[in-house]
């Protein structure tokens, strides 16, 4: 089974990419295949709400989203991390979320896949829970199964990565729960 980690940060090798790599290492140790999507290295344009995908047609926007569609479809579980930008997810991950409507309109292709959410803010209470809620909303709209950290809503960390021991525990517990759910689904 494969877990896809998505970093919604536009910063290459930043806190979110490092966090996704840590989570994917945990998944590998649990025997899962892994893959990743790093927004920082992709060109994903916003959705234009043209409606073409309603008719089973491919998205007419020419960018890197075709690759991401395939990665989302191939994944058995998905973990998404976003920095907190002005109280919510980044514009870049929101563009990916909006464009994923194609997968919903064309057969609910993410339905029943477990997913977990992670957020990194500038302080302990820097908007992480609202950011997690936005990620969870995306998952709910797709009919996904949401994994938390056994205490709250998912991984909530303050930057920089590696200095927040408690936050790192919540991220690890979230990916562990995602692995547990996938093992139950075998």
C-alpha atoms as a PDB file:
ATOM      1  CA  UNK A   1       0.000   0.000   0.000  1.00  0.00           C
ATOM      2  CA  UNK A   2       1.159   3.531  -0.784  1.00  0.00           C
ATOM      3  CA  UNK A   3       1.017   6.749   1.243  1.00  0.00           C
ATOM      4  CA  UNK A   4       1.295  10.065  -0.573  1.00  0.00           C
ATOM      5  CA  UNK A   5       2.705  13.028   1.345  1.00  0.00           C
ATOM      6  CA  UNK A   6       1.821  16.499   0.088  1.00  0.00           C
ATOM      7  CA  UNK A   7       3.675  19.630   1.169  1.00  0.00           C
ATOM      8  CA  UNK A   8       1.620  22.739   0.470  1.00  0.00           C
ATOM      9  CA  UNK A   9       4.506  25.109   1.050  1.00  0.00           C
ATOM     10  CA  UNK A  10       5.973  27.184  -1.777  1.00  0.00           C
ATOM     11  CA  UNK A  11       9.352  27.065   0.025  1.00  0.00           C
ATOM     12  CA  UNK A  12      11.715  24.413  -1.257  1.00  0.00           C
ATOM     13  CA  UNK A  13      13.268  22.285   1.512  1.00  0.00           C
ATOM     14  CA  UNK A  14      11.280  24.224   4.106  1.00  0.00           C
ATOM     15  CA  UNK A  15       9.571  23.085   7.286  1.00  0.00           C
ATOM     16  CA  UNK A  16       6.657  21.362   5.528  1.00  0.00           C
ATOM     17  CA  UNK A  17       8.797  19.362   3.116  1.00  0.00           C
ATOM     18  CA  UNK A  18      10.997  18.267   6.014  1.00  0.00           C
ATOM     19  CA  UNK A  19       7.895  17.277   8.004  1.00  0.00           C
ATOM     20  CA  UNK A  20       6.448  15.288   5.092  1.00  0.00           C
ATOM     21  CA  UNK A  21       9.787  13.502   4.680  1.00  0.00           C
ATOM     22  CA  UNK A  22       9.782  12.601   8.408  1.00  0.00           C
ATOM     23  CA  UNK A  23       6.227  11.261   8.150  1.00  0.00           C
ATOM     24  CA  UNK A  24       7.015   9.255   5.025  1.00  0.00           C
ATOM     25  CA  UNK A  25      10.041   7.737   6.795  1.00  0.00           C
ATOM     26  CA  UNK A  26       7.692   6.564   9.561  1.00  0.00           C
ATOM     27  CA  UNK A  27       5.382   5.060   6.936  1.00  0.00           C
ATOM     28  CA  UNK A  28       8.321   3.276   5.252  1.00  0.00           C
ATOM     29  CA  UNK A  29       9.347   1.782   8.613  1.00  0.00           C
ATOM     30  CA  UNK A  30       5.783   0.478   8.895  1.00  0.00           C
ATOM     31  CA  UNK A  31       6.159  -1.269   5.516  1.00  0.00           C
ATOM     32  CA  UNK A  32       4.366   1.211   3.244  1.00  0.00           C
ATOM     33  CA  UNK A  33       5.467   2.488  -0.126  1.00  0.00           C
ATOM     34  CA  UNK A  34       5.638   6.278  -0.252  1.00  0.00           C
ATOM     35  CA  UNK A  35       5.438   9.079  -2.762  1.00  0.00           C
ATOM     36  CA  UNK A  36       5.390  12.846  -2.399  1.00  0.00           C
ATOM     37  CA  UNK A  37       4.093  16.026  -3.976  1.00  0.00           C
ATOM     38  CA  UNK A  38       6.060  19.147  -3.159  1.00  0.00           C
ATOM     39  CA  UNK A  39       4.186  22.248  -4.321  1.00  0.00           C
ATOM     40  CA  UNK A  40       7.487  24.159  -4.303  1.00  0.00           C
ATOM     41  CA  UNK A  41       8.671  22.303  -7.395  1.00  0.00           C
ATOM     42  CA  UNK A  42       5.384  22.284  -9.321  1.00  0.00           C
ATOM     43  CA  UNK A  43       3.381  24.717 -11.401  1.00  0.00           C
ATOM     44  CA  UNK A  44      -0.262  24.305 -10.395  1.00  0.00           C
ATOM     45  CA  UNK A  45      -2.552  27.038 -11.628  1.00  0.00           C
ATOM     46  CA  UNK A  46      -5.870  27.929  -9.973  1.00  0.00           C
ATOM     47  CA  UNK A  47      -9.142  26.363 -11.100  1.00  0.00           C
ATOM     48  CA  UNK A  48     -11.160  28.486 -13.548  1.00  0.00           C
ATOM     49  CA  UNK A  49     -14.474  26.750 -12.772  1.00  0.00           C
ATOM     50  CA  UNK A  50     -14.924  26.133 -16.496  1.00  0.00           C
ATOM     51  CA  UNK A  51     -16.892  22.927 -15.835  1.00  0.00           C
ATOM     52  CA  UNK A  52     -15.190  20.887 -18.540  1.00  0.00           C
ATOM     53  CA  UNK A  53     -14.394  18.122 -16.034  1.00  0.00           C
ATOM     54  CA  UNK A  54     -18.125  17.640 -15.358  1.00  0.00           C
ATOM     55  CA  UNK A  55     -18.379  15.964 -18.748  1.00  0.00           C
ATOM     56  CA  UNK A  56     -15.565  13.487 -18.098  1.00  0.00           C
ATOM     57  CA  UNK A  57     -13.059  15.546 -20.044  1.00  0.00           C
ATOM     58  CA  UNK A  58      -9.509  16.246 -18.852  1.00  0.00           C
ATOM     59  CA  UNK A  59      -8.761  19.605 -17.300  1.00  0.00           C
ATOM     60  CA  UNK A  60      -7.810  22.059 -20.069  1.00  0.00           C
ATOM     61  CA  UNK A  61      -5.269  23.912 -17.886  1.00  0.00           C
ATOM     62  CA  UNK A  62      -1.733  23.071 -19.020  1.00  0.00           C
ATOM     63  CA  UNK A  63       0.408  22.647 -15.909  1.00  0.00           C
ATOM     64  CA  UNK A  64       1.718  19.955 -13.525  1.00  0.00           C
ATOM     65  CA  UNK A  65      -1.680  18.904 -12.179  1.00  0.00           C
ATOM     66  CA  UNK A  66      -1.941  15.878 -14.503  1.00  0.00           C
ATOM     67  CA  UNK A  67       0.992  14.323 -12.622  1.00  0.00           C
ATOM     68  CA  UNK A  68      -0.677  15.108  -9.284  1.00  0.00           C
ATOM     69  CA  UNK A  69      -4.013  13.592 -10.394  1.00  0.00           C
ATOM     70  CA  UNK A  70      -2.218  10.308 -11.039  1.00  0.00           C
ATOM     71  CA  UNK A  71      -0.357  10.417  -7.733  1.00  0.00           C
ATOM     72  CA  UNK A  72      -3.612  11.064  -5.852  1.00  0.00           C
ATOM     73  CA  UNK A  73      -5.341   8.176  -7.634  1.00  0.00           C
ATOM     74  CA  UNK A  74      -2.408   5.788  -7.022  1.00  0.00           C
ATOM     75  CA  UNK A  75      -2.242   6.553  -3.291  1.00  0.00           C
ATOM     76  CA  UNK A  76      -4.017   4.396  -0.723  1.00  0.00           C
ATOM     77  CA  UNK A  77      -3.606   7.080   1.955  1.00  0.00           C
ATOM     78  CA  UNK A  78      -2.741  10.781   1.849  1.00  0.00           C
ATOM     79  CA  UNK A  79      -1.103  13.100   4.364  1.00  0.00           C
ATOM     80  CA  UNK A  80      -1.157  16.860   3.697  1.00  0.00           C
ATOM     81  CA  UNK A  81       0.951  19.518   5.389  1.00  0.00           C
ATOM     82  CA  UNK A  82       0.535  23.276   5.017  1.00  0.00           C
ATOM     83  CA  UNK A  83       2.143  26.240   6.651  1.00  0.00           C
ATOM     84  CA  UNK A  84      -0.297  28.695   8.181  1.00  0.00           C
ATOM     85  CA  UNK A  85      -0.628  31.672   5.837  1.00  0.00           C
ATOM     86  CA  UNK A  86      -2.837  34.407   7.244  1.00  0.00           C
ATOM     87  CA  UNK A  87      -4.853  31.915   9.302  1.00  0.00           C
ATOM     88  CA  UNK A  88      -5.301  29.156   6.722  1.00  0.00           C
ATOM     89  CA  UNK A  89      -3.649  27.023   4.042  1.00  0.00           C
ATOM     90  CA  UNK A  90      -1.405  28.453   1.349  1.00  0.00           C
ATOM     91  CA  UNK A  91      -2.839  29.628  -1.957  1.00  0.00           C
ATOM     92  CA  UNK A  92      -0.735  26.947  -3.651  1.00  0.00           C
ATOM     93  CA  UNK A  93      -2.319  24.004  -1.789  1.00  0.00           C
ATOM     94  CA  UNK A  94      -5.747  25.583  -2.170  1.00  0.00           C
ATOM     95  CA  UNK A  95      -5.194  25.598  -5.951  1.00  0.00           C
ATOM     96  CA  UNK A  96      -4.412  21.858  -5.782  1.00  0.00           C
ATOM     97  CA  UNK A  97      -7.526  21.261  -3.657  1.00  0.00           C
ATOM     98  CA  UNK A  98      -9.737  23.213  -6.056  1.00  0.00           C
ATOM     99  CA  UNK A  99      -8.335  21.458  -9.122  1.00  0.00           C
ATOM    100  CA  UNK A 100      -8.905  18.049  -7.513  1.00  0.00           C
ATOM    101  CA  UNK A 101     -12.633  18.584  -8.116  1.00  0.00           C
ATOM    102  CA  UNK A 102     -12.015  16.661 -11.351  1.00  0.00           C
ATOM    103  CA  UNK A 103     -11.403  13.483  -9.304  1.00  0.00           C
ATOM    104  CA  UNK A 104     -14.655  14.041  -7.416  1.00  0.00           C
ATOM    105  CA  UNK A 105     -16.707  14.784 -10.500  1.00  0.00           C
ATOM    106  CA  UNK A 106     -15.300  11.804 -12.328  1.00  0.00           C
ATOM    107  CA  UNK A 107     -16.268   9.053  -9.910  1.00  0.00           C
ATOM    108  CA  UNK A 108     -15.227  10.153  -6.399  1.00  0.00           C
ATOM    109  CA  UNK A 109     -11.753   8.716  -6.964  1.00  0.00           C
ATOM    110  CA  UNK A 110     -10.480   9.676  -3.489  1.00  0.00           C
ATOM    111  CA  UNK A 111     -13.516   8.277  -1.658  1.00  0.00           C
ATOM    112  CA  UNK A 112     -12.705   6.082   1.356  1.00  0.00           C
ATOM    113  CA  UNK A 113      -8.983   6.831   1.207  1.00  0.00           C
ATOM    114  CA  UNK A 114      -7.697   7.712   4.682  1.00  0.00           C
ATOM    115  CA  UNK A 115      -6.060  11.088   5.071  1.00  0.00           C
ATOM    116  CA  UNK A 116      -4.250  13.036   7.734  1.00  0.00           C
ATOM    117  CA  UNK A 117      -3.515  16.740   8.125  1.00  0.00           C
ATOM    118  CA  UNK A 118      -0.523  18.657   9.464  1.00  0.00           C
ATOM    119  CA  UNK A 119      -0.026  22.401   9.955  1.00  0.00           C
ATOM    120  CA  UNK A 120       2.986  24.479  10.952  1.00  0.00           C
ATOM    121  CA  UNK A 121       2.532  27.990  12.347  1.00  0.00           C
ATOM    122  CA  UNK A 122       4.784  30.713  13.642  1.00  0.00           C
ATOM    123  CA  UNK A 123       3.631  30.225  17.239  1.00  0.00           C
ATOM    124  CA  UNK A 124       1.896  27.540  19.299  1.00  0.00           C
ATOM    125  CA  UNK A 125      -1.544  29.008  18.554  1.00  0.00           C
ATOM    126  CA  UNK A 126      -0.819  30.475  15.149  1.00  0.00           C
ATOM    127  CA  UNK A 127      -3.832  29.221  13.211  1.00  0.00           C
ATOM    128  CA  UNK A 128      -2.900  25.558  12.962  1.00  0.00           C
ATOM    129  CA  UNK A 129      -6.366  24.231  13.890  1.00  0.00           C
ATOM    130  CA  UNK A 130      -8.086  26.401  11.290  1.00  0.00           C
ATOM    131  CA  UNK A 131      -5.537  25.226   8.716  1.00  0.00           C
ATOM    132  CA  UNK A 132      -6.199  21.590   9.670  1.00  0.00           C
ATOM    133  CA  UNK A 133      -9.932  22.235   9.318  1.00  0.00           C
ATOM    134  CA  UNK A 134      -9.453  23.498   5.768  1.00  0.00           C
ATOM    135  CA  UNK A 135      -7.488  20.356   4.895  1.00  0.00           C
ATOM    136  CA  UNK A 136     -10.162  18.212   6.569  1.00  0.00           C
ATOM    137  CA  UNK A 137     -12.883  20.043   4.626  1.00  0.00           C
ATOM    138  CA  UNK A 138     -11.131  19.073   1.376  1.00  0.00           C
ATOM    139  CA  UNK A 139     -10.957  15.461   2.547  1.00  0.00           C
ATOM    140  CA  UNK A 140     -14.614  15.407   3.617  1.00  0.00           C
ATOM    141  CA  UNK A 141     -15.752  16.782   0.258  1.00  0.00           C
ATOM    142  CA  UNK A 142     -13.933  13.888  -1.418  1.00  0.00           C
ATOM    143  CA  UNK A 143     -15.476  11.331   0.964  1.00  0.00           C
ATOM    144  CA  UNK A 144     -12.144  10.471   2.550  1.00  0.00           C
ATOM    145  CA  UNK A 145     -11.630   8.960   6.018  1.00  0.00           C
ATOM    146  CA  UNK A 146      -9.882  11.393   8.359  1.00  0.00           C
ATOM    147  CA  UNK A 147      -7.138  10.252  10.717  1.00  0.00           C
ATOM    148  CA  UNK A 148      -6.203  12.434  13.689  1.00  0.00           C
ATOM    149  CA  UNK A 149      -3.468  12.146  16.282  1.00  0.00           C
ATOM    150  CA  UNK A 150      -5.595  10.259  18.869  1.00  0.00           C
ATOM    151  CA  UNK A 151      -6.024  13.473  20.862  1.00  0.00           C
ATOM    152  CA  UNK A 152      -7.147  16.234  18.577  1.00  0.00           C
ATOM    153  CA  UNK A 153      -7.301  16.957  14.859  1.00  0.00           C
ATOM    154  CA  UNK A 154      -3.866  16.113  13.480  1.00  0.00           C
ATOM    155  CA  UNK A 155      -0.320  17.349  13.643  1.00  0.00           C
ATOM    156  CA  UNK A 156       0.052  20.901  14.930  1.00  0.00           C
ATOM    157  CA  UNK A 157       3.549  22.298  15.016  1.00  0.00           C
ATOM    158  CA  UNK A 158       5.322  25.601  15.416  1.00  0.00           C
ATOM    159  CA  UNK A 159       8.318  26.434  13.316  1.00  0.00           C
ATOM    160  CA  UNK A 160      11.127  25.738  12.896  1.00  0.00           C
ATOM    161  CA  UNK A 161      10.766  21.985  12.462  1.00  0.00           C
ATOM    162  CA  UNK A 162      12.911  20.050  14.899  1.00  0.00           C
ATOM    163  CA  UNK A 163      12.488  22.468  17.798  1.00  0.00           C
ATOM    164  CA  UNK A 164       8.891  21.585  18.700  1.00  0.00           C
ATOM    165  CA  UNK A 165       9.023  18.206  20.413  1.00  0.00           C
ATOM    166  CA  UNK A 166       5.330  18.130  21.347  1.00  0.00           C
ATOM    167  CA  UNK A 167       4.229  19.187  17.872  1.00  0.00           C
ATOM    168  CA  UNK A 168       6.455  16.560  16.267  1.00  0.00           C
ATOM    169  CA  UNK A 169       4.741  13.935  18.437  1.00  0.00           C
ATOM    170  CA  UNK A 170       1.329  15.016  17.104  1.00  0.00           C
ATOM    171  CA  UNK A 171       2.577  14.710  13.521  1.00  0.00           C
ATOM    172  CA  UNK A 172       4.041  11.272  14.201  1.00  0.00           C
ATOM    173  CA  UNK A 173       0.836  10.102  15.898  1.00  0.00           C
ATOM    174  CA  UNK A 174      -1.157  11.302  12.873  1.00  0.00           C
ATOM    175  CA  UNK A 175       0.907   9.336  10.378  1.00  0.00           C
ATOM    176  CA  UNK A 176       0.882   6.305  12.703  1.00  0.00           C
ATOM    177  CA  UNK A 177      -2.939   6.474  12.834  1.00  0.00           C
ATOM    178  CA  UNK A 178      -3.056   6.724   9.035  1.00  0.00           C
ATOM    179  CA  UNK A 179      -0.905   3.571   8.836  1.00  0.00           C
ATOM    180  CA  UNK A 180      -3.128   1.814  11.373  1.00  0.00           C
ATOM    181  CA  UNK A 181      -6.258   2.597   9.355  1.00  0.00           C
ATOM    182  CA  UNK A 182      -4.652   1.349   6.144  1.00  0.00           C
ATOM    183  CA  UNK A 183      -3.613  -1.881   7.894  1.00  0.00           C
ATOM    184  CA  UNK A 184      -7.213  -2.374   9.058  1.00  0.00           C
ATOM    185  CA  UNK A 185      -8.404  -1.912   5.469  1.00  0.00           C
ATOM    186  CA  UNK A 186      -6.151  -4.658   4.033  1.00  0.00           C
END
